[in-house]
């Protein structure tokens, strides 16, 4: 069975909206699927393309030649554009235009632009020209978590569909038997759960626990063990996320127990801080994530975090 619809989890409202537009022959030329990474935007886009090209009007059959070609990525009626390196380049948009100029046996064609926010100025302007005079029967689906970063003129020519994080039961449905604390850590993104599982999570968790214990007792040498971990940008984001959830666990004791990090209870007694100090440390952990995203020196920002939290603790 190659029906991509059967693999979808969540986002029923988006699916029903697209289904009605398609049935009423009111499908927009430009559509934007907007929402966090890893919640199923691309899968839903491909499932909808499968439906739109299939002879069935309610759900893609998954068995006809058109459905099978969409599922395998070989459909002549679906053109996918993804970043080549860091950006989507103008040559990639020109290549799509060249393909669209060819005769098609299908009455509908789709261009799926994944990570559309990574189009540079040239590729954005090239896409805008196509959207201003789209080939007949062609529909564009732009997938992005950052719709506001796109050109206003592109945004004005596309109807946006909002995607939200999945709830815990939907995450488990997709990822299988995952511990509640990890599902909670994922913020409703399947890609986050899979990413945490694929990495050597135990080593990161172990070092974060050691460093947090050092922070609690004012031991800079113990805390500094985290510096080797955060040299890797991806790992540093994981560390900042763990700090956010750790101080949330300590500051808000009514959090469900099974959603707390495994080491939160073990370290609770090491932190004789006030609730306000816990909340401050929690808030500052979010700033770590923002600093990492801005390419600040990661060793320095984690060192400053230690001194800032110790200073807050020692003032009272």
C-alpha atoms as a PDB file:
ATOM      1  CA  UNK A   1       0.000   0.000   0.000  1.00  0.00           C
ATOM      2  CA  UNK A   2       1.472   3.328  -1.112  1.00  0.00           C
ATOM      3  CA  UNK A   3      -1.245   5.667   0.207  1.00  0.00           C
ATOM      4  CA  UNK A   4       0.648   8.420   1.977  1.00  0.00           C
ATOM      5  CA  UNK A   5      -2.625   9.547   3.586  1.00  0.00           C
ATOM      6  CA  UNK A   6      -2.509   6.442   5.770  1.00  0.00           C
ATOM      7  CA  UNK A   7       0.827   7.567   7.213  1.00  0.00           C
ATOM      8  CA  UNK A   8      -0.413  11.001   8.335  1.00  0.00           C
ATOM      9  CA  UNK A   9      -0.847  11.756  12.010  1.00  0.00           C
ATOM     10  CA  UNK A  10      -2.648  14.907  13.129  1.00  0.00           C
ATOM     11  CA  UNK A  11      -3.390  18.079  11.108  1.00  0.00           C
ATOM     12  CA  UNK A  12      -6.917  16.947  10.236  1.00  0.00           C
ATOM     13  CA  UNK A  13      -8.155  20.524   9.820  1.00  0.00           C
ATOM     14  CA  UNK A  14      -5.486  21.294   7.233  1.00  0.00           C
ATOM     15  CA  UNK A  15      -6.269  18.105   5.345  1.00  0.00           C
ATOM     16  CA  UNK A  16     -10.018  18.792   5.314  1.00  0.00           C
ATOM     17  CA  UNK A  17      -9.465  22.362   4.121  1.00  0.00           C
ATOM     18  CA  UNK A  18      -7.318  21.201   1.230  1.00  0.00           C
ATOM     19  CA  UNK A  19      -9.797  18.459   0.389  1.00  0.00           C
ATOM     20  CA  UNK A  20     -12.682  20.940   0.166  1.00  0.00           C
ATOM     21  CA  UNK A  21     -10.673  23.342  -1.992  1.00  0.00           C
ATOM     22  CA  UNK A  22      -9.710  20.529  -4.338  1.00  0.00           C
ATOM     23  CA  UNK A  23     -13.249  19.165  -4.606  1.00  0.00           C
ATOM     24  CA  UNK A  24     -14.616  22.627  -5.358  1.00  0.00           C
ATOM     25  CA  UNK A  25     -11.892  23.367  -7.940  1.00  0.00           C
ATOM     26  CA  UNK A  26     -10.701  26.308  -5.836  1.00  0.00           C
ATOM     27  CA  UNK A  27      -7.193  25.105  -5.071  1.00  0.00           C
ATOM     28  CA  UNK A  28      -4.882  28.157  -4.831  1.00  0.00           C
ATOM     29  CA  UNK A  29      -1.949  28.478  -7.183  1.00  0.00           C
ATOM     30  CA  UNK A  30       0.285  29.237  -4.199  1.00  0.00           C
ATOM     31  CA  UNK A  31       0.048  27.502  -0.832  1.00  0.00           C
ATOM     32  CA  UNK A  32       2.307  27.799   2.199  1.00  0.00           C
ATOM     33  CA  UNK A  33       2.554  25.040   4.794  1.00  0.00           C
ATOM     34  CA  UNK A  34       3.783  26.904   7.856  1.00  0.00           C
ATOM     35  CA  UNK A  35       4.823  25.376  11.161  1.00  0.00           C
ATOM     36  CA  UNK A  36       7.674  23.876  13.202  1.00  0.00           C
ATOM     37  CA  UNK A  37      10.167  21.425  11.767  1.00  0.00           C
ATOM     38  CA  UNK A  38       9.327  17.750  12.075  1.00  0.00           C
ATOM     39  CA  UNK A  39       5.551  17.866  12.482  1.00  0.00           C
ATOM     40  CA  UNK A  40       4.630  16.311   9.107  1.00  0.00           C
ATOM     41  CA  UNK A  41       4.268  19.271   6.734  1.00  0.00           C
ATOM     42  CA  UNK A  42       6.089  17.607   3.841  1.00  0.00           C
ATOM     43  CA  UNK A  43       4.372  14.254   4.288  1.00  0.00           C
ATOM     44  CA  UNK A  44       0.978  15.951   4.209  1.00  0.00           C
ATOM     45  CA  UNK A  45       2.011  17.919   1.110  1.00  0.00           C
ATOM     46  CA  UNK A  46       3.035  14.751  -0.713  1.00  0.00           C
ATOM     47  CA  UNK A  47      -0.103  12.932   0.448  1.00  0.00           C
ATOM     48  CA  UNK A  48      -2.256  15.767  -0.864  1.00  0.00           C
ATOM     49  CA  UNK A  49      -0.447  15.796  -4.207  1.00  0.00           C
ATOM     50  CA  UNK A  50      -1.063  12.057  -4.382  1.00  0.00           C
ATOM     51  CA  UNK A  51      -4.780  12.641  -3.777  1.00  0.00           C
ATOM     52  CA  UNK A  52      -5.012  15.505  -6.279  1.00  0.00           C
ATOM     53  CA  UNK A  53      -3.443  13.394  -9.029  1.00  0.00           C
ATOM     54  CA  UNK A  54      -5.352  10.215  -8.181  1.00  0.00           C
ATOM     55  CA  UNK A  55      -8.724   9.354  -9.737  1.00  0.00           C
ATOM     56  CA  UNK A  56     -10.195   8.977  -6.227  1.00  0.00           C
ATOM     57  CA  UNK A  57     -11.677  12.172  -4.784  1.00  0.00           C
ATOM     58  CA  UNK A  58     -11.745  11.284  -1.100  1.00  0.00           C
ATOM     59  CA  UNK A  59      -8.435   9.621  -0.408  1.00  0.00           C
ATOM     60  CA  UNK A  60      -5.538   8.523  -2.611  1.00  0.00           C
ATOM     61  CA  UNK A  61      -5.938   4.889  -3.595  1.00  0.00           C
ATOM     62  CA  UNK A  62      -2.223   4.221  -3.244  1.00  0.00           C
ATOM     63  CA  UNK A  63      -2.381   1.608  -6.010  1.00  0.00           C
ATOM     64  CA  UNK A  64      -2.663   3.400  -9.348  1.00  0.00           C
ATOM     65  CA  UNK A  65       0.381   4.385 -11.373  1.00  0.00           C
ATOM     66  CA  UNK A  66       0.062   8.033 -10.369  1.00  0.00           C
ATOM     67  CA  UNK A  67      -0.061   7.231  -6.639  1.00  0.00           C
ATOM     68  CA  UNK A  68       2.892   4.883  -6.893  1.00  0.00           C
ATOM     69  CA  UNK A  69       4.997   7.434  -8.775  1.00  0.00           C
ATOM     70  CA  UNK A  70       4.301  10.177  -6.222  1.00  0.00           C
ATOM     71  CA  UNK A  71       5.170   7.799  -3.364  1.00  0.00           C
ATOM     72  CA  UNK A  72       8.430   6.799  -5.037  1.00  0.00           C
ATOM     73  CA  UNK A  73       9.405  10.377  -5.947  1.00  0.00           C
ATOM     74  CA  UNK A  74       9.285   9.726  -9.685  1.00  0.00           C
ATOM     75  CA  UNK A  75       6.100  11.553 -10.699  1.00  0.00           C
ATOM     76  CA  UNK A  76       6.409  13.811 -13.720  1.00  0.00           C
ATOM     77  CA  UNK A  77       3.673  15.962 -12.185  1.00  0.00           C
ATOM     78  CA  UNK A  78       5.507  16.682  -8.935  1.00  0.00           C
ATOM     79  CA  UNK A  79       8.688  18.746  -8.894  1.00  0.00           C
ATOM     80  CA  UNK A  80      10.514  18.979  -5.563  1.00  0.00           C
ATOM     81  CA  UNK A  81      12.996  21.746  -4.759  1.00  0.00           C
ATOM     82  CA  UNK A  82      15.255  21.495  -1.698  1.00  0.00           C
ATOM     83  CA  UNK A  83      18.266  23.518  -0.535  1.00  0.00           C
ATOM     84  CA  UNK A  84      21.458  22.795  -2.424  1.00  0.00           C
ATOM     85  CA  UNK A  85      23.923  23.327   0.384  1.00  0.00           C
ATOM     86  CA  UNK A  86      22.868  26.266   2.525  1.00  0.00           C
ATOM     87  CA  UNK A  87      20.446  27.887   0.085  1.00  0.00           C
ATOM     88  CA  UNK A  88      17.921  27.243  -2.665  1.00  0.00           C
ATOM     89  CA  UNK A  89      19.657  28.744  -5.676  1.00  0.00           C
ATOM     90  CA  UNK A  90      18.206  30.592  -8.636  1.00  0.00           C
ATOM     91  CA  UNK A  91      19.331  27.848 -11.033  1.00  0.00           C
ATOM     92  CA  UNK A  92      17.055  25.421  -9.205  1.00  0.00           C
ATOM     93  CA  UNK A  93      14.042  27.673  -9.763  1.00  0.00           C
ATOM     94  CA  UNK A  94      14.993  28.127 -13.425  1.00  0.00           C
ATOM     95  CA  UNK A  95      15.202  24.337 -13.777  1.00  0.00           C
ATOM     96  CA  UNK A  96      11.657  24.023 -12.446  1.00  0.00           C
ATOM     97  CA  UNK A  97      10.445  26.648 -14.928  1.00  0.00           C
ATOM     98  CA  UNK A  98      12.101  24.704 -17.738  1.00  0.00           C
ATOM     99  CA  UNK A  99      10.303  21.516 -16.673  1.00  0.00           C
ATOM    100  CA  UNK A 100       6.989  23.331 -16.427  1.00  0.00           C
ATOM    101  CA  UNK A 101       7.387  24.544 -20.013  1.00  0.00           C
ATOM    102  CA  UNK A 102       7.256  20.947 -21.207  1.00  0.00           C
ATOM    103  CA  UNK A 103       3.953  19.403 -22.219  1.00  0.00           C
ATOM    104  CA  UNK A 104       2.246  17.392 -19.496  1.00  0.00           C
ATOM    105  CA  UNK A 105      -0.346  14.613 -19.738  1.00  0.00           C
ATOM    106  CA  UNK A 106      -1.704  15.614 -16.335  1.00  0.00           C
ATOM    107  CA  UNK A 107      -4.182  18.464 -15.884  1.00  0.00           C
ATOM    108  CA  UNK A 108      -2.490  19.375 -12.590  1.00  0.00           C
ATOM    109  CA  UNK A 109       1.154  19.808 -11.684  1.00  0.00           C
ATOM    110  CA  UNK A 110       2.724  20.617  -8.359  1.00  0.00           C
ATOM    111  CA  UNK A 111       5.953  22.280  -7.308  1.00  0.00           C
ATOM    112  CA  UNK A 112       6.928  21.507  -3.712  1.00  0.00           C
ATOM    113  CA  UNK A 113       9.574  23.838  -2.276  1.00  0.00           C
ATOM    114  CA  UNK A 114      10.895  22.439   0.993  1.00  0.00           C
ATOM    115  CA  UNK A 115      12.637  24.839   3.415  1.00  0.00           C
ATOM    116  CA  UNK A 116      11.383  27.724   1.278  1.00  0.00           C
ATOM    117  CA  UNK A 117      12.857  30.256   3.715  1.00  0.00           C
ATOM    118  CA  UNK A 118      16.283  29.246   2.371  1.00  0.00           C
ATOM    119  CA  UNK A 119      15.690  30.838  -1.006  1.00  0.00           C
ATOM    120  CA  UNK A 120      18.145  33.676  -1.524  1.00  0.00           C
ATOM    121  CA  UNK A 121      17.180  37.002  -3.077  1.00  0.00           C
ATOM    122  CA  UNK A 122      17.717  35.787  -6.653  1.00  0.00           C
ATOM    123  CA  UNK A 123      15.759  32.569  -6.282  1.00  0.00           C
ATOM    124  CA  UNK A 124      12.951  34.391  -4.423  1.00  0.00           C
ATOM    125  CA  UNK A 125      12.591  36.897  -7.244  1.00  0.00           C
ATOM    126  CA  UNK A 126      12.662  34.109  -9.836  1.00  0.00           C
ATOM    127  CA  UNK A 127       9.859  32.289  -8.001  1.00  0.00           C
ATOM    128  CA  UNK A 128       7.878  35.518  -7.712  1.00  0.00           C
ATOM    129  CA  UNK A 129       7.934  35.926 -11.502  1.00  0.00           C
ATOM    130  CA  UNK A 130       6.486  32.416 -11.906  1.00  0.00           C
ATOM    131  CA  UNK A 131       3.803  33.056  -9.274  1.00  0.00           C
ATOM    132  CA  UNK A 132       2.809  36.264 -11.059  1.00  0.00           C
ATOM    133  CA  UNK A 133       2.186  34.345 -14.297  1.00  0.00           C
ATOM    134  CA  UNK A 134       1.844  30.682 -13.286  1.00  0.00           C
ATOM    135  CA  UNK A 135       1.597  27.978 -15.940  1.00  0.00           C
ATOM    136  CA  UNK A 136      -1.940  26.676 -16.268  1.00  0.00           C
ATOM    137  CA  UNK A 137      -2.853  23.919 -13.830  1.00  0.00           C
ATOM    138  CA  UNK A 138       0.304  24.390 -11.752  1.00  0.00           C
ATOM    139  CA  UNK A 139       0.222  24.721  -7.965  1.00  0.00           C
ATOM    140  CA  UNK A 140       3.081  25.662  -5.677  1.00  0.00           C
ATOM    141  CA  UNK A 141       3.444  24.402  -2.091  1.00  0.00           C
ATOM    142  CA  UNK A 142       6.021  26.252   0.006  1.00  0.00           C
ATOM    143  CA  UNK A 143       7.040  24.459   3.200  1.00  0.00           C
ATOM    144  CA  UNK A 144       8.626  26.623   5.878  1.00  0.00           C
ATOM    145  CA  UNK A 145       8.816  27.288   9.623  1.00  0.00           C
ATOM    146  CA  UNK A 146       9.584  30.964   8.921  1.00  0.00           C
ATOM    147  CA  UNK A 147       6.840  32.367   6.721  1.00  0.00           C
ATOM    148  CA  UNK A 148       7.456  35.921   7.943  1.00  0.00           C
ATOM    149  CA  UNK A 149      10.993  35.820   6.516  1.00  0.00           C
ATOM    150  CA  UNK A 150       9.716  35.344   2.968  1.00  0.00           C
ATOM    151  CA  UNK A 151       9.256  38.228   0.544  1.00  0.00           C
ATOM    152  CA  UNK A 152       5.961  40.069   1.233  1.00  0.00           C
ATOM    153  CA  UNK A 153       5.124  39.807  -2.454  1.00  0.00           C
ATOM    154  CA  UNK A 154       5.460  36.001  -2.294  1.00  0.00           C
ATOM    155  CA  UNK A 155       3.390  35.845   0.893  1.00  0.00           C
ATOM    156  CA  UNK A 156       0.650  37.874  -0.786  1.00  0.00           C
ATOM    157  CA  UNK A 157       0.383  35.282  -3.550  1.00  0.00           C
ATOM    158  CA  UNK A 158       0.072  32.200  -1.351  1.00  0.00           C
ATOM    159  CA  UNK A 159      -2.618  30.981   1.020  1.00  0.00           C
ATOM    160  CA  UNK A 160      -1.050  29.857   4.271  1.00  0.00           C
ATOM    161  CA  UNK A 161      -2.006  26.725   6.189  1.00  0.00           C
ATOM    162  CA  UNK A 162      -0.862  26.630   9.796  1.00  0.00           C
ATOM    163  CA  UNK A 163       0.642  23.459  11.274  1.00  0.00           C
ATOM    164  CA  UNK A 164       0.996  23.026  15.028  1.00  0.00           C
ATOM    165  CA  UNK A 165       3.147  20.731  17.165  1.00  0.00           C
ATOM    166  CA  UNK A 166       1.760  17.230  17.610  1.00  0.00           C
ATOM    167  CA  UNK A 167       0.338  16.227  20.960  1.00  0.00           C
ATOM    168  CA  UNK A 168       2.099  13.510  23.024  1.00  0.00           C
ATOM    169  CA  UNK A 169      -0.197  10.682  21.899  1.00  0.00           C
ATOM    170  CA  UNK A 170       0.381  11.630  18.242  1.00  0.00           C
ATOM    171  CA  UNK A 171       4.153  11.724  18.801  1.00  0.00           C
ATOM    172  CA  UNK A 172       4.072   8.236  20.319  1.00  0.00           C
ATOM    173  CA  UNK A 173       1.884   7.022  17.448  1.00  0.00           C
ATOM    174  CA  UNK A 174       4.614   8.023  15.008  1.00  0.00           C
ATOM    175  CA  UNK A 175       7.767   7.250  16.990  1.00  0.00           C
ATOM    176  CA  UNK A 176       6.675   4.168  18.913  1.00  0.00           C
ATOM    177  CA  UNK A 177       7.324   3.549  22.583  1.00  0.00           C
ATOM    178  CA  UNK A 178       9.198   6.669  23.702  1.00  0.00           C
ATOM    179  CA  UNK A 179       9.560   7.733  27.353  1.00  0.00           C
ATOM    180  CA  UNK A 180       7.231  10.569  28.362  1.00  0.00           C
ATOM    181  CA  UNK A 181      10.095  12.873  29.301  1.00  0.00           C
ATOM    182  CA  UNK A 182      11.596  12.505  25.815  1.00  0.00           C
ATOM    183  CA  UNK A 183       8.233  13.122  24.144  1.00  0.00           C
ATOM    184  CA  UNK A 184       7.864  16.229  26.306  1.00  0.00           C
ATOM    185  CA  UNK A 185      11.375  17.344  25.395  1.00  0.00           C
ATOM    186  CA  UNK A 186      10.529  17.115  21.687  1.00  0.00           C
ATOM    187  CA  UNK A 187       8.036  20.022  21.839  1.00  0.00           C
ATOM    188  CA  UNK A 188       5.653  18.163  19.565  1.00  0.00           C
ATOM    189  CA  UNK A 189       8.178  17.514  16.786  1.00  0.00           C
ATOM    190  CA  UNK A 190       8.701  13.963  15.545  1.00  0.00           C
ATOM    191  CA  UNK A 191      12.080  14.903  14.098  1.00  0.00           C
ATOM    192  CA  UNK A 192      13.258  15.940  17.569  1.00  0.00           C
ATOM    193  CA  UNK A 193      12.410  12.570  19.127  1.00  0.00           C
ATOM    194  CA  UNK A 194      14.124  10.718  16.302  1.00  0.00           C
ATOM    195  CA  UNK A 195      17.145  13.003  16.496  1.00  0.00           C
ATOM    196  CA  UNK A 196      17.534  12.529  20.252  1.00  0.00           C
ATOM    197  CA  UNK A 197      17.221   8.764  19.829  1.00  0.00           C
ATOM    198  CA  UNK A 198      19.777   8.634  17.031  1.00  0.00           C
ATOM    199  CA  UNK A 199      22.436  10.526  18.980  1.00  0.00           C
ATOM    200  CA  UNK A 200      24.448   9.136  21.893  1.00  0.00           C
ATOM    201  CA  UNK A 201      22.005  10.699  24.311  1.00  0.00           C
ATOM    202  CA  UNK A 202      23.294   8.876  27.382  1.00  0.00           C
ATOM    203  CA  UNK A 203      26.693  10.622  27.261  1.00  0.00           C
ATOM    204  CA  UNK A 204      25.168  14.077  26.906  1.00  0.00           C
ATOM    205  CA  UNK A 205      22.697  13.377  29.711  1.00  0.00           C
ATOM    206  CA  UNK A 206      25.471  12.076  31.966  1.00  0.00           C
ATOM    207  CA  UNK A 207      27.646  15.160  31.436  1.00  0.00           C
ATOM    208  CA  UNK A 208      24.737  17.566  31.915  1.00  0.00           C
ATOM    209  CA  UNK A 209      23.888  15.867  35.208  1.00  0.00           C
ATOM    210  CA  UNK A 210      27.506  16.144  36.411  1.00  0.00           C
ATOM    211  CA  UNK A 211      27.698  19.798  35.368  1.00  0.00           C
ATOM    212  CA  UNK A 212      24.388  20.665  36.980  1.00  0.00           C
ATOM    213  CA  UNK A 213      25.500  19.099  40.221  1.00  0.00           C
ATOM    214  CA  UNK A 214      28.598  21.302  40.008  1.00  0.00           C
ATOM    215  CA  UNK A 215      26.436  24.360  39.404  1.00  0.00           C
ATOM    216  CA  UNK A 216      24.319  23.512  42.435  1.00  0.00           C
ATOM    217  CA  UNK A 217      27.281  23.350  44.791  1.00  0.00           C
ATOM    218  CA  UNK A 218      29.294  26.140  43.156  1.00  0.00           C
ATOM    219  CA  UNK A 219      31.975  23.922  41.617  1.00  0.00           C
ATOM    220  CA  UNK A 220      33.175  25.566  38.389  1.00  0.00           C
ATOM    221  CA  UNK A 221      35.536  22.691  37.599  1.00  0.00           C
ATOM    222  CA  UNK A 222      32.635  20.219  37.596  1.00  0.00           C
ATOM    223  CA  UNK A 223      30.493  22.580  35.508  1.00  0.00           C
ATOM    224  CA  UNK A 224      33.281  23.099  32.957  1.00  0.00           C
ATOM    225  CA  UNK A 225      32.972  19.499  31.801  1.00  0.00           C
ATOM    226  CA  UNK A 226      30.084  20.761  29.684  1.00  0.00           C
ATOM    227  CA  UNK A 227      32.462  22.871  27.586  1.00  0.00           C
ATOM    228  CA  UNK A 228      33.710  19.842  25.626  1.00  0.00           C
ATOM    229  CA  UNK A 229      30.123  18.888  24.768  1.00  0.00           C
ATOM    230  CA  UNK A 230      29.017  22.332  23.605  1.00  0.00           C
ATOM    231  CA  UNK A 231      31.879  22.637  21.123  1.00  0.00           C
ATOM    232  CA  UNK A 232      29.465  20.826  18.828  1.00  0.00           C
ATOM    233  CA  UNK A 233      26.680  23.230  17.904  1.00  0.00           C
ATOM    234  CA  UNK A 234      24.000  20.560  17.651  1.00  0.00           C
ATOM    235  CA  UNK A 235      24.956  19.140  21.055  1.00  0.00           C
ATOM    236  CA  UNK A 236      24.979  22.625  22.572  1.00  0.00           C
ATOM    237  CA  UNK A 237      21.344  23.098  21.554  1.00  0.00           C
ATOM    238  CA  UNK A 238      20.516  19.823  23.270  1.00  0.00           C
ATOM    239  CA  UNK A 239      22.293  20.975  26.421  1.00  0.00           C
ATOM    240  CA  UNK A 240      20.358  24.265  26.452  1.00  0.00           C
ATOM    241  CA  UNK A 241      17.106  22.323  26.041  1.00  0.00           C
ATOM    242  CA  UNK A 242      18.012  20.023  28.945  1.00  0.00           C
ATOM    243  CA  UNK A 243      18.766  23.034  31.154  1.00  0.00           C
ATOM    244  CA  UNK A 244      15.413  24.557  30.262  1.00  0.00           C
ATOM    245  CA  UNK A 245      13.526  21.425  31.238  1.00  0.00           C
ATOM    246  CA  UNK A 246      15.615  20.761  34.345  1.00  0.00           C
ATOM    247  CA  UNK A 247      14.917  24.156  35.877  1.00  0.00           C
ATOM    248  CA  UNK A 248      11.289  23.913  34.806  1.00  0.00           C
ATOM    249  CA  UNK A 249      11.081  20.628  36.741  1.00  0.00           C
ATOM    250  CA  UNK A 250      12.531  22.265  39.854  1.00  0.00           C
ATOM    251  CA  UNK A 251      10.663  25.569  39.581  1.00  0.00           C
ATOM    252  CA  UNK A 252       7.254  24.085  38.835  1.00  0.00           C
ATOM    253  CA  UNK A 253       6.851  21.074  41.069  1.00  0.00           C
ATOM    254  CA  UNK A 254       3.354  20.358  39.766  1.00  0.00           C
ATOM    255  CA  UNK A 255       4.829  19.121  36.461  1.00  0.00           C
ATOM    256  CA  UNK A 256       3.740  15.523  35.732  1.00  0.00           C
ATOM    257  CA  UNK A 257       6.326  13.218  37.269  1.00  0.00           C
ATOM    258  CA  UNK A 258       6.715  11.021  34.201  1.00  0.00           C
ATOM    259  CA  UNK A 259       7.548  14.110  32.104  1.00  0.00           C
ATOM    260  CA  UNK A 260      10.440  15.196  34.325  1.00  0.00           C
ATOM    261  CA  UNK A 261      14.012  14.547  33.223  1.00  0.00           C
ATOM    262  CA  UNK A 262      15.446  11.315  34.685  1.00  0.00           C
ATOM    263  CA  UNK A 263      17.981  13.191  36.843  1.00  0.00           C
ATOM    264  CA  UNK A 264      15.728  16.047  38.070  1.00  0.00           C
ATOM    265  CA  UNK A 265      14.679  14.318  41.287  1.00  0.00           C
ATOM    266  CA  UNK A 266      18.213  13.080  41.955  1.00  0.00           C
ATOM    267  CA  UNK A 267      19.571  16.637  41.793  1.00  0.00           C
ATOM    268  CA  UNK A 268      16.703  18.448  43.497  1.00  0.00           C
ATOM    269  CA  UNK A 269      18.374  18.319  46.922  1.00  0.00           C
ATOM    270  CA  UNK A 270      21.567  19.833  45.459  1.00  0.00           C
ATOM    271  CA  UNK A 271      19.707  23.068  44.713  1.00  0.00           C
ATOM    272  CA  UNK A 272      18.671  24.929  47.842  1.00  0.00           C
ATOM    273  CA  UNK A 273      17.675  27.862  45.638  1.00  0.00           C
ATOM    274  CA  UNK A 274      14.503  29.888  45.950  1.00  0.00           C
ATOM    275  CA  UNK A 275      11.738  29.402  43.410  1.00  0.00           C
ATOM    276  CA  UNK A 276      12.505  32.815  41.907  1.00  0.00           C
ATOM    277  CA  UNK A 277      16.116  31.754  41.360  1.00  0.00           C
ATOM    278  CA  UNK A 278      14.929  28.557  39.685  1.00  0.00           C
ATOM    279  CA  UNK A 279      12.605  30.536  37.414  1.00  0.00           C
ATOM    280  CA  UNK A 280      15.436  32.922  36.522  1.00  0.00           C
ATOM    281  CA  UNK A 281      17.742  30.007  35.652  1.00  0.00           C
ATOM    282  CA  UNK A 282      14.925  28.521  33.541  1.00  0.00           C
ATOM    283  CA  UNK A 283      14.384  31.781  31.670  1.00  0.00           C
ATOM    284  CA  UNK A 284      18.110  32.296  31.117  1.00  0.00           C
ATOM    285  CA  UNK A 285      18.381  28.784  29.645  1.00  0.00           C
ATOM    286  CA  UNK A 286      16.103  29.950  26.820  1.00  0.00           C
ATOM    287  CA  UNK A 287      18.514  32.804  26.186  1.00  0.00           C
ATOM    288  CA  UNK A 288      21.289  30.230  25.787  1.00  0.00           C
ATOM    289  CA  UNK A 289      19.403  28.742  22.860  1.00  0.00           C
ATOM    290  CA  UNK A 290      19.019  32.161  21.265  1.00  0.00           C
ATOM    291  CA  UNK A 291      22.728  32.914  21.757  1.00  0.00           C
ATOM    292  CA  UNK A 292      23.702  29.622  20.129  1.00  0.00           C
ATOM    293  CA  UNK A 293      21.465  30.425  17.174  1.00  0.00           C
ATOM    294  CA  UNK A 294      23.283  33.758  16.771  1.00  0.00           C
ATOM    295  CA  UNK A 295      26.654  31.928  16.569  1.00  0.00           C
ATOM    296  CA  UNK A 296      28.034  33.389  19.801  1.00  0.00           C
ATOM    297  CA  UNK A 297      31.077  31.699  21.365  1.00  0.00           C
ATOM    298  CA  UNK A 298      29.463  28.634  22.932  1.00  0.00           C
ATOM    299  CA  UNK A 299      32.083  28.011  25.604  1.00  0.00           C
ATOM    300  CA  UNK A 300      31.823  31.620  26.700  1.00  0.00           C
ATOM    301  CA  UNK A 301      28.024  31.690  26.877  1.00  0.00           C
ATOM    302  CA  UNK A 302      27.913  28.524  29.008  1.00  0.00           C
ATOM    303  CA  UNK A 303      30.663  29.888  31.230  1.00  0.00           C
ATOM    304  CA  UNK A 304      28.742  33.150  31.646  1.00  0.00           C
ATOM    305  CA  UNK A 305      25.594  31.180  32.408  1.00  0.00           C
ATOM    306  CA  UNK A 306      27.373  29.502  35.341  1.00  0.00           C
ATOM    307  CA  UNK A 307      28.646  32.748  36.807  1.00  0.00           C
ATOM    308  CA  UNK A 308      25.335  34.514  36.318  1.00  0.00           C
ATOM    309  CA  UNK A 309      23.338  31.815  38.107  1.00  0.00           C
ATOM    310  CA  UNK A 310      25.879  31.529  40.944  1.00  0.00           C
ATOM    311  CA  UNK A 311      25.808  35.303  41.350  1.00  0.00           C
ATOM    312  CA  UNK A 312      22.003  35.282  41.540  1.00  0.00           C
ATOM    313  CA  UNK A 313      22.146  32.534  44.175  1.00  0.00           C
ATOM    314  CA  UNK A 314      24.799  34.199  46.316  1.00  0.00           C
ATOM    315  CA  UNK A 315      22.963  37.539  46.428  1.00  0.00           C
ATOM    316  CA  UNK A 316      20.259  36.043  48.603  1.00  0.00           C
END
